[in-house]
Amino acid sequence: GGDTLKHFVLRSNALKLFRNFARTARRLPSKQEYSEVMVLVRQEFSRHHNEKNLDTIEDALMYGTIQLKTLKDSVHNMVGGQGK
């Protein structure tokens, strides 16, 4: 309880980011790579799970968004640019 609308919005953004990581990681060439990436993603998300400080949450989401772009670029290069 006691969460603000801003917390709710950031939680929603975090879920979207997590789903994007999972969707992108599924396009990696091997199940092993997918598993490794998702272990790291889950660790990072669970590390911030109980965070209440809005600035810390926003920083983590920004960092995650940059990491997602890096992953997308890697996947794109590995699979030869198929798909989105």
C-alpha atoms as a PDB file:
ATOM      1  CA  GLY A   1       0.000   0.000   0.000  1.00  0.00           C
ATOM      2  CA  GLY A   2       0.879   3.654  -0.035  1.00  0.00           C
ATOM      3  CA  ASP A   3       2.157   3.568  -3.597  1.00  0.00           C
ATOM      4  CA  THR A   4       1.500   6.595  -5.728  1.00  0.00           C
ATOM      5  CA  LEU A   5       0.184   6.735  -9.273  1.00  0.00           C
ATOM      6  CA  LYS A   6       3.793   7.281 -10.345  1.00  0.00           C
ATOM      7  CA  HIS A   7       4.798   3.965  -8.707  1.00  0.00           C
ATOM      8  CA  PHE A   8       1.937   2.257 -10.536  1.00  0.00           C
ATOM      9  CA  VAL A   9       3.020   3.716 -13.888  1.00  0.00           C
ATOM     10  CA  LEU A  10       6.669   2.753 -13.310  1.00  0.00           C
ATOM     11  CA  ARG A  11       5.656  -0.784 -12.313  1.00  0.00           C
ATOM     12  CA  SER A  12       3.674  -1.022 -15.542  1.00  0.00           C
ATOM     13  CA  ASN A  13       6.717   0.235 -17.491  1.00  0.00           C
ATOM     14  CA  ALA A  14       8.909  -2.338 -15.731  1.00  0.00           C
ATOM     15  CA  LEU A  15       6.561  -5.165 -16.738  1.00  0.00           C
ATOM     16  CA  LYS A  16       6.585  -3.976 -20.349  1.00  0.00           C
ATOM     17  CA  LEU A  17      10.372  -3.810 -20.275  1.00  0.00           C
ATOM     18  CA  PHE A  18      10.588  -7.335 -18.820  1.00  0.00           C
ATOM     19  CA  ARG A  19       8.255  -8.692 -21.524  1.00  0.00           C
ATOM     20  CA  ASN A  20      10.332  -6.958 -24.204  1.00  0.00           C
ATOM     21  CA  PHE A  21      13.487  -8.597 -22.835  1.00  0.00           C
ATOM     22  CA  ALA A  22      11.795 -12.019 -22.907  1.00  0.00           C
ATOM     23  CA  ARG A  23      10.435 -11.480 -26.438  1.00  0.00           C
ATOM     24  CA  THR A  24      13.826 -10.304 -27.711  1.00  0.00           C
ATOM     25  CA  ALA A  25      15.782 -13.051 -25.923  1.00  0.00           C
ATOM     26  CA  ARG A  26      13.519 -15.704 -27.502  1.00  0.00           C
ATOM     27  CA  ARG A  27      14.988 -14.702 -30.862  1.00  0.00           C
ATOM     28  CA  LEU A  28      18.523 -15.640 -29.771  1.00  0.00           C
ATOM     29  CA  PRO A  29      19.946 -18.564 -31.783  1.00  0.00           C
ATOM     30  CA  SER A  30      20.088 -21.048 -28.875  1.00  0.00           C
ATOM     31  CA  LYS A  31      18.013 -21.974 -25.840  1.00  0.00           C
ATOM     32  CA  GLN A  32      21.237 -21.753 -23.804  1.00  0.00           C
ATOM     33  CA  GLU A  33      21.705 -18.068 -24.748  1.00  0.00           C
ATOM     34  CA  TYR A  34      18.046 -17.379 -24.016  1.00  0.00           C
ATOM     35  CA  SER A  35      18.371 -18.979 -20.565  1.00  0.00           C
ATOM     36  CA  GLU A  36      21.552 -17.075 -19.742  1.00  0.00           C
ATOM     37  CA  VAL A  37      20.059 -13.730 -20.736  1.00  0.00           C
ATOM     38  CA  MET A  38      16.839 -14.365 -18.818  1.00  0.00           C
ATOM     39  CA  VAL A  39      18.752 -15.354 -15.650  1.00  0.00           C
ATOM     40  CA  LEU A  40      20.528 -11.980 -15.771  1.00  0.00           C
ATOM     41  CA  VAL A  41      17.316 -10.093 -16.549  1.00  0.00           C
ATOM     42  CA  ARG A  42      15.448 -11.777 -13.668  1.00  0.00           C
ATOM     43  CA  GLN A  43      18.321 -11.048 -11.271  1.00  0.00           C
ATOM     44  CA  GLU A  44      18.338  -7.389 -12.243  1.00  0.00           C
ATOM     45  CA  PHE A  45      14.560  -7.042 -11.924  1.00  0.00           C
ATOM     46  CA  SER A  46      14.399  -8.861  -8.585  1.00  0.00           C
ATOM     47  CA  ARG A  47      17.214  -6.681  -7.246  1.00  0.00           C
ATOM     48  CA  HIS A  48      14.934  -3.646  -7.669  1.00  0.00           C
ATOM     49  CA  HIS A  49      11.655  -5.417  -6.852  1.00  0.00           C
ATOM     50  CA  ASN A  50      11.030  -3.698  -3.512  1.00  0.00           C
ATOM     51  CA  GLU A  51      12.554  -0.336  -4.424  1.00  0.00           C
ATOM     52  CA  LYS A  52      10.357   2.616  -3.410  1.00  0.00           C
ATOM     53  CA  ASN A  53      12.615   5.523  -4.422  1.00  0.00           C
ATOM     54  CA  LEU A  54      11.220   6.903  -7.686  1.00  0.00           C
ATOM     55  CA  ASP A  55      14.588   8.219  -8.902  1.00  0.00           C
ATOM     56  CA  THR A  56      16.225   4.836  -8.342  1.00  0.00           C
ATOM     57  CA  ILE A  57      13.375   3.079 -10.165  1.00  0.00           C
ATOM     58  CA  GLU A  58      13.538   5.517 -13.082  1.00  0.00           C
ATOM     59  CA  ASP A  59      17.321   5.103 -13.319  1.00  0.00           C
ATOM     60  CA  ALA A  60      16.957   1.315 -13.332  1.00  0.00           C
ATOM     61  CA  LEU A  61      14.318   1.492 -16.074  1.00  0.00           C
ATOM     62  CA  MET A  62      16.494   3.815 -18.150  1.00  0.00           C
ATOM     63  CA  TYR A  63      19.460   1.470 -17.744  1.00  0.00           C
ATOM     64  CA  GLY A  64      17.230  -1.493 -18.636  1.00  0.00           C
ATOM     65  CA  THR A  65      15.989   0.263 -21.767  1.00  0.00           C
ATOM     66  CA  ILE A  66      19.585   0.833 -22.904  1.00  0.00           C
ATOM     67  CA  GLN A  67      20.431  -2.820 -22.178  1.00  0.00           C
ATOM     68  CA  LEU A  68      17.360  -3.926 -24.158  1.00  0.00           C
ATOM     69  CA  LYS A  69      18.494  -1.891 -27.159  1.00  0.00           C
ATOM     70  CA  THR A  70      21.940  -3.522 -26.907  1.00  0.00           C
ATOM     71  CA  LEU A  71      20.317  -6.966 -26.788  1.00  0.00           C
ATOM     72  CA  LYS A  72      18.059  -6.125 -29.759  1.00  0.00           C
ATOM     73  CA  ASP A  73      21.075  -4.960 -31.778  1.00  0.00           C
ATOM     74  CA  SER A  74      22.961  -8.178 -30.905  1.00  0.00           C
ATOM     75  CA  VAL A  75      20.011 -10.374 -31.856  1.00  0.00           C
ATOM     76  CA  HIS A  76      19.544  -8.416 -35.078  1.00  0.00           C
ATOM     77  CA  ASN A  77      23.208  -8.974 -36.012  1.00  0.00           C
ATOM     78  CA  MET A  78      23.151 -12.676 -35.009  1.00  0.00           C
ATOM     79  CA  VAL A  79      20.021 -13.618 -36.893  1.00  0.00           C
ATOM     80  CA  GLY A  80      20.747 -11.456 -39.898  1.00  0.00           C
ATOM     81  CA  GLY A  81      18.025  -8.915 -39.339  1.00  0.00           C
ATOM     82  CA  GLN A  82      15.020 -11.214 -39.690  1.00  0.00           C
ATOM     83  CA  GLY A  83      11.821 -10.139 -37.991  1.00  0.00           C
ATOM     84  CA  LYS A  84      11.360  -6.831 -36.149  1.00  0.00           C
END
